[in-house]
Amino acid sequence: NVERTKRFQRFACRHITMSTDVVANAIQKDWQTREYIEVVSVNMKKLVDFLNNFDLSIRFKLAKLTERVASLERQVEYLEACYSTVEDFNKGETSGQEEEDA
């Protein structure tokens, strides 16, 4: 009977030790998983922040570019109007000279 009790105690002791190791390994794996998730979350936040800042920067630059293109288009329209006015004036002078020559 004493021998049986000693065997049971050794078995129980090994079982408890194994259970403790299993629990310790599970806890360690859980912490590693949590740390990995934290690293991924932090890096995702950094990426989202970068993309938001990039978006704002690009929108600002595109707005400036749009203003510049609109300004250049107005200048081209003005120059075209000036050129057509000069061209019309020159045609008028040429017609008047042809009439004088005739």
N, C-alpha and C. Protein backbone atom coordinates (compact mmCIF):
# COMPACT_ATOMS: atom_id res chain seq x y z
N ASN A 1 0.83 -1.20 0.00
CA ASN A 1 0.00 0.00 0.00
C ASN A 1 0.87 1.26 0.00
N VAL A 2 1.95 1.24 0.74
CA VAL A 2 2.89 2.36 0.80
C VAL A 2 3.55 2.54 -0.57
N GLU A 3 3.87 1.41 -1.17
CA GLU A 3 4.50 1.47 -2.49
C GLU A 3 3.56 2.11 -3.52
N ARG A 4 2.31 1.76 -3.43
CA ARG A 4 1.33 2.33 -4.33
C ARG A 4 1.21 3.84 -4.13
N THR A 5 1.22 4.28 -2.95
CA THR A 5 1.13 5.70 -2.63
C THR A 5 2.34 6.44 -3.16
N LYS A 6 3.51 5.85 -3.01
CA LYS A 6 4.72 6.50 -3.53
C LYS A 6 4.67 6.60 -5.05
N ARG A 7 4.21 5.53 -5.71
CA ARG A 7 4.09 5.58 -7.18
C ARG A 7 3.11 6.67 -7.60
N PHE A 8 1.98 6.73 -6.92
CA PHE A 8 0.98 7.74 -7.23
C PHE A 8 1.55 9.15 -7.04
N GLN A 9 2.29 9.35 -5.95
CA GLN A 9 2.89 10.66 -5.68
C GLN A 9 3.89 11.03 -6.78
N ARG A 10 4.73 10.05 -7.20
CA ARG A 10 5.68 10.34 -8.29
C ARG A 10 4.94 10.68 -9.58
N PHE A 11 3.89 9.89 -9.86
CA PHE A 11 3.09 10.14 -11.06
C PHE A 11 2.45 11.52 -11.00
N ALA A 12 1.86 11.85 -9.87
CA ALA A 12 1.21 13.15 -9.68
C ALA A 12 2.23 14.28 -9.79
N CYS A 13 3.39 14.06 -9.22
CA CYS A 13 4.45 15.09 -9.27
C CYS A 13 4.89 15.32 -10.71
N ARG A 14 5.10 14.21 -11.46
CA ARG A 14 5.48 14.37 -12.88
C ARG A 14 4.36 15.03 -13.66
N HIS A 15 3.14 14.66 -13.39
CA HIS A 15 2.00 15.22 -14.09
C HIS A 15 1.88 16.72 -13.82
N ILE A 16 2.04 17.11 -12.55
CA ILE A 16 1.99 18.53 -12.19
C ILE A 16 3.13 19.28 -12.84
N THR A 17 4.33 18.70 -12.85
CA THR A 17 5.48 19.34 -13.49
C THR A 17 5.22 19.51 -14.98
N MET A 18 4.68 18.48 -15.62
CA MET A 18 4.38 18.57 -17.04
C MET A 18 3.30 19.61 -17.29
N SER A 19 2.28 19.64 -16.44
CA SER A 19 1.21 20.63 -16.58
C SER A 19 1.75 22.03 -16.40
N THR A 20 2.63 22.21 -15.45
CA THR A 20 3.24 23.53 -15.22
C THR A 20 4.05 23.95 -16.43
N ASP A 21 4.80 23.02 -17.01
CA ASP A 21 5.58 23.33 -18.21
C ASP A 21 4.67 23.69 -19.37
N VAL A 22 3.60 22.96 -19.53
CA VAL A 22 2.64 23.23 -20.61
C VAL A 22 2.04 24.62 -20.44
N VAL A 23 1.64 24.93 -19.21
CA VAL A 23 1.05 26.24 -18.94
C VAL A 23 2.09 27.35 -19.16
N ALA A 24 3.30 27.13 -18.69
CA ALA A 24 4.36 28.14 -18.87
C ALA A 24 4.64 28.35 -20.36
N ASN A 25 4.70 27.26 -21.13
CA ASN A 25 4.92 27.39 -22.57
C ASN A 25 3.76 28.11 -23.25
N ALA A 26 2.55 27.81 -22.81
CA ALA A 26 1.37 28.47 -23.39
C ALA A 26 1.38 29.96 -23.08
N ILE A 27 1.76 30.31 -21.86
CA ILE A 27 1.84 31.72 -21.48
C ILE A 27 2.92 32.43 -22.28
N GLN A 28 4.08 31.78 -22.42
CA GLN A 28 5.17 32.39 -23.19
C GLN A 28 4.75 32.58 -24.65
N LYS A 29 4.10 31.58 -25.22
CA LYS A 29 3.64 31.69 -26.62
C LYS A 29 2.60 32.80 -26.75
N ASP A 30 1.72 32.91 -25.75
CA ASP A 30 0.71 33.96 -25.77
C ASP A 30 1.36 35.34 -25.76
N TRP A 31 2.39 35.53 -24.92
CA TRP A 31 3.09 36.82 -24.86
C TRP A 31 3.81 37.11 -26.17
N GLN A 32 4.41 36.09 -26.77
CA GLN A 32 5.07 36.29 -28.06
C GLN A 32 4.06 36.70 -29.13
N THR A 33 2.91 36.06 -29.11
CA THR A 33 1.85 36.41 -30.07
C THR A 33 1.38 37.83 -29.85
N ARG A 34 1.19 38.20 -28.59
CA ARG A 34 0.75 39.57 -28.29
C ARG A 34 1.79 40.60 -28.72
N GLU A 35 3.06 40.31 -28.49
CA GLU A 35 4.13 41.22 -28.91
C GLU A 35 4.15 41.37 -30.42
N TYR A 36 3.98 40.26 -31.14
CA TYR A 36 3.95 40.30 -32.60
C TYR A 36 2.78 41.15 -33.09
N ILE A 37 1.61 40.93 -32.47
CA ILE A 37 0.42 41.71 -32.86
C ILE A 37 0.65 43.19 -32.58
N GLU A 38 1.31 43.51 -31.47
CA GLU A 38 1.61 44.91 -31.13
C GLU A 38 2.54 45.53 -32.17
N VAL A 39 3.57 44.78 -32.56
CA VAL A 39 4.51 45.29 -33.57
C VAL A 39 3.78 45.54 -34.89
N VAL A 40 2.95 44.60 -35.30
CA VAL A 40 2.19 44.76 -36.55
C VAL A 40 1.26 45.97 -36.44
N SER A 41 0.58 46.11 -35.31
CA SER A 41 -0.34 47.24 -35.12
C SER A 41 0.38 48.58 -35.18
N VAL A 42 1.52 48.66 -34.51
CA VAL A 42 2.30 49.92 -34.50
C VAL A 42 2.76 50.25 -35.92
N ASN A 43 3.25 49.26 -36.63
CA ASN A 43 3.72 49.51 -37.99
C ASN A 43 2.57 49.87 -38.93
N MET A 44 1.41 49.27 -38.73
CA MET A 44 0.24 49.65 -39.54
C MET A 44 -0.15 51.10 -39.26
N LYS A 45 -0.10 51.49 -37.99
CA LYS A 45 -0.43 52.88 -37.64
C LYS A 45 0.56 53.84 -38.30
N LYS A 46 1.84 53.49 -38.27
CA LYS A 46 2.85 54.33 -38.91
C LYS A 46 2.58 54.44 -40.40
N LEU A 47 2.22 53.34 -41.03
CA LEU A 47 1.93 53.34 -42.46
C LEU A 47 0.73 54.20 -42.78
N VAL A 48 -0.32 54.08 -41.99
CA VAL A 48 -1.52 54.89 -42.20
C VAL A 48 -1.21 56.37 -42.00
N ASP A 49 -0.43 56.71 -40.97
CA ASP A 49 -0.03 58.10 -40.75
C ASP A 49 0.76 58.63 -41.94
N PHE A 50 1.70 57.83 -42.43
CA PHE A 50 2.48 58.24 -43.60
C PHE A 50 1.58 58.48 -44.80
N LEU A 51 0.67 57.55 -45.06
CA LEU A 51 -0.22 57.69 -46.22
C LEU A 51 -1.13 58.91 -46.08
N ASN A 52 -1.61 59.19 -44.89
CA ASN A 52 -2.45 60.38 -44.69
C ASN A 52 -1.64 61.66 -44.92
N ASN A 53 -0.42 61.70 -44.39
CA ASN A 53 0.44 62.87 -44.62
C ASN A 53 0.79 63.02 -46.09
N PHE A 54 1.08 61.91 -46.74
CA PHE A 54 1.39 61.92 -48.17
C PHE A 54 0.19 62.44 -48.96
N ASP A 55 -1.00 61.99 -48.61
CA ASP A 55 -2.22 62.43 -49.27
C ASP A 55 -2.40 63.94 -49.15
N LEU A 56 -2.23 64.45 -47.92
CA LEU A 56 -2.37 65.90 -47.71
C LEU A 56 -1.32 66.67 -48.51
N SER A 57 -0.10 66.19 -48.51
CA SER A 57 0.98 66.85 -49.22
C SER A 57 0.70 66.88 -50.72
N ILE A 58 0.30 65.74 -51.26
CA ILE A 58 0.03 65.66 -52.69
C ILE A 58 -1.16 66.52 -53.07
N ARG A 59 -2.20 66.51 -52.25
CA ARG A 59 -3.36 67.36 -52.55
C ARG A 59 -2.96 68.84 -52.60
N PHE A 60 -2.12 69.26 -51.65
CA PHE A 60 -1.66 70.64 -51.62
C PHE A 60 -0.85 70.96 -52.88
N LYS A 61 0.07 70.06 -53.23
CA LYS A 61 0.91 70.29 -54.41
C LYS A 61 0.08 70.30 -55.68
N LEU A 62 -0.91 69.42 -55.78
CA LEU A 62 -1.77 69.40 -56.96
C LEU A 62 -2.62 70.67 -57.05
N ALA A 63 -3.06 71.18 -55.91
CA ALA A 63 -3.83 72.43 -55.92
C ALA A 63 -2.96 73.57 -56.42
N LYS A 64 -1.70 73.62 -55.95
CA LYS A 64 -0.77 74.66 -56.41
C LYS A 64 -0.53 74.53 -57.91
N LEU A 65 -0.36 73.29 -58.37
CA LEU A 65 -0.12 73.04 -59.79
C LEU A 65 -1.34 73.45 -60.62
N THR A 66 -2.52 73.15 -60.12
CA THR A 66 -3.76 73.53 -60.81
C THR A 66 -3.85 75.04 -60.94
N GLU A 67 -3.51 75.76 -59.87
CA GLU A 67 -3.51 77.23 -59.92
C GLU A 67 -2.52 77.73 -60.96
N ARG A 68 -1.35 77.13 -60.99
CA ARG A 68 -0.30 77.56 -61.94
C ARG A 68 -0.74 77.30 -63.38
N VAL A 69 -1.33 76.13 -63.63
CA VAL A 69 -1.81 75.80 -64.99
C VAL A 69 -2.92 76.76 -65.40
N ALA A 70 -3.84 77.07 -64.49
CA ALA A 70 -4.92 78.01 -64.80
C ALA A 70 -4.33 79.38 -65.14
N SER A 71 -3.33 79.81 -64.38
CA SER A 71 -2.67 81.10 -64.65
C SER A 71 -2.01 81.09 -66.03
N LEU A 72 -1.32 80.02 -66.34
CA LEU A 72 -0.66 79.92 -67.64
C LEU A 72 -1.69 79.88 -68.78
N GLU A 73 -2.81 79.20 -68.56
CA GLU A 73 -3.86 79.17 -69.58
C GLU A 73 -4.41 80.57 -69.83
N ARG A 74 -4.60 81.34 -68.75
CA ARG A 74 -5.08 82.72 -68.92
C ARG A 74 -4.06 83.55 -69.70
N GLN A 75 -2.78 83.36 -69.39
CA GLN A 75 -1.73 84.10 -70.11
C GLN A 75 -1.72 83.73 -71.59
N VAL A 76 -1.89 82.45 -71.89
CA VAL A 76 -1.91 82.01 -73.28
C VAL A 76 -3.11 82.61 -74.00
N GLU A 77 -4.27 82.61 -73.34
CA GLU A 77 -5.46 83.21 -73.95
C GLU A 77 -5.24 84.69 -74.22
N TYR A 78 -4.62 85.38 -73.28
CA TYR A 78 -4.33 86.81 -73.45
C TYR A 78 -3.39 87.02 -74.64
N LEU A 79 -2.31 86.20 -74.69
CA LEU A 79 -1.36 86.34 -75.79
C LEU A 79 -2.01 86.01 -77.14
N GLU A 80 -2.87 85.02 -77.16
CA GLU A 80 -3.58 84.68 -78.39
C GLU A 80 -4.47 85.83 -78.83
N ALA A 81 -5.14 86.45 -77.86
CA ALA A 81 -5.99 87.60 -78.18
C ALA A 81 -5.15 88.75 -78.71
N CYS A 82 -4.00 89.01 -78.09
CA CYS A 82 -3.11 90.07 -78.57
C CYS A 82 -2.61 89.76 -79.98
N TYR A 83 -2.23 88.54 -80.21
CA TYR A 83 -1.71 88.14 -81.51
C TYR A 83 -2.78 88.28 -82.59
N SER A 84 -4.01 87.85 -82.27
CA SER A 84 -5.07 87.96 -83.28
C SER A 84 -5.40 89.43 -83.55
N THR A 85 -5.29 90.27 -82.53
CA THR A 85 -5.54 91.71 -82.73
C THR A 85 -4.47 92.30 -83.64
N VAL A 86 -3.21 91.94 -83.38
CA VAL A 86 -2.11 92.43 -84.23
C VAL A 86 -2.26 91.88 -85.64
N GLU A 87 -2.64 90.64 -85.75
CA GLU A 87 -2.82 90.02 -87.05
C GLU A 87 -3.94 90.71 -87.82
N ASP A 88 -5.06 91.00 -87.14
CA ASP A 88 -6.18 91.70 -87.77
C ASP A 88 -5.75 93.10 -88.19
N PHE A 89 -4.96 93.77 -87.34
CA PHE A 89 -4.48 95.12 -87.66
C PHE A 89 -3.59 95.07 -88.91
N ASN A 90 -2.68 94.08 -88.95
CA ASN A 90 -1.80 93.95 -90.11
C ASN A 90 -2.58 93.63 -91.37
N LYS A 91 -3.60 92.86 -91.29
CA LYS A 91 -4.43 92.56 -92.47
C LYS A 91 -5.09 93.84 -92.96
N GLY A 92 -5.54 94.65 -92.02
CA GLY A 92 -6.19 95.91 -92.39
C GLY A 92 -5.21 96.84 -93.10
N GLU A 93 -3.98 96.91 -92.63
CA GLU A 93 -2.97 97.76 -93.27
C GLU A 93 -2.63 97.23 -94.64
N THR A 94 -2.53 95.94 -94.77
CA THR A 94 -2.18 95.33 -96.05
C THR A 94 -3.28 95.59 -97.05
N SER A 95 -4.55 95.53 -96.63
CA SER A 95 -5.69 95.79 -97.54
C SER A 95 -5.65 97.25 -97.97
N GLY A 96 -5.35 98.13 -97.05
CA GLY A 96 -5.31 99.55 -97.36
C GLY A 96 -4.17 99.86 -98.33
N GLN A 97 -3.03 99.21 -98.20
CA GLN A 97 -1.91 99.43 -99.11
C GLN A 97 -2.23 98.90 -100.50
N GLU A 98 -2.92 97.79 -100.57
CA GLU A 98 -3.28 97.21 -101.87
C GLU A 98 -4.23 98.13 -102.59
N GLU A 99 -5.16 98.76 -101.84
CA GLU A 99 -6.10 99.70 -102.45
C GLU A 99 -5.35 100.92 -102.95
N GLU A 100 -4.34 101.38 -102.19
CA GLU A 100 -3.57 102.55 -102.59
C GLU A 100 -2.76 102.24 -103.85
N ASP A 101 -2.22 101.03 -103.91
CA ASP A 101 -1.39 100.64 -105.07
C ASP A 101 -2.23 100.51 -106.32
N ALA A 102 -3.49 100.21 -106.17
CA ALA A 102 -4.32 99.99 -107.35
C ALA A 102 -4.79 101.28 -107.91
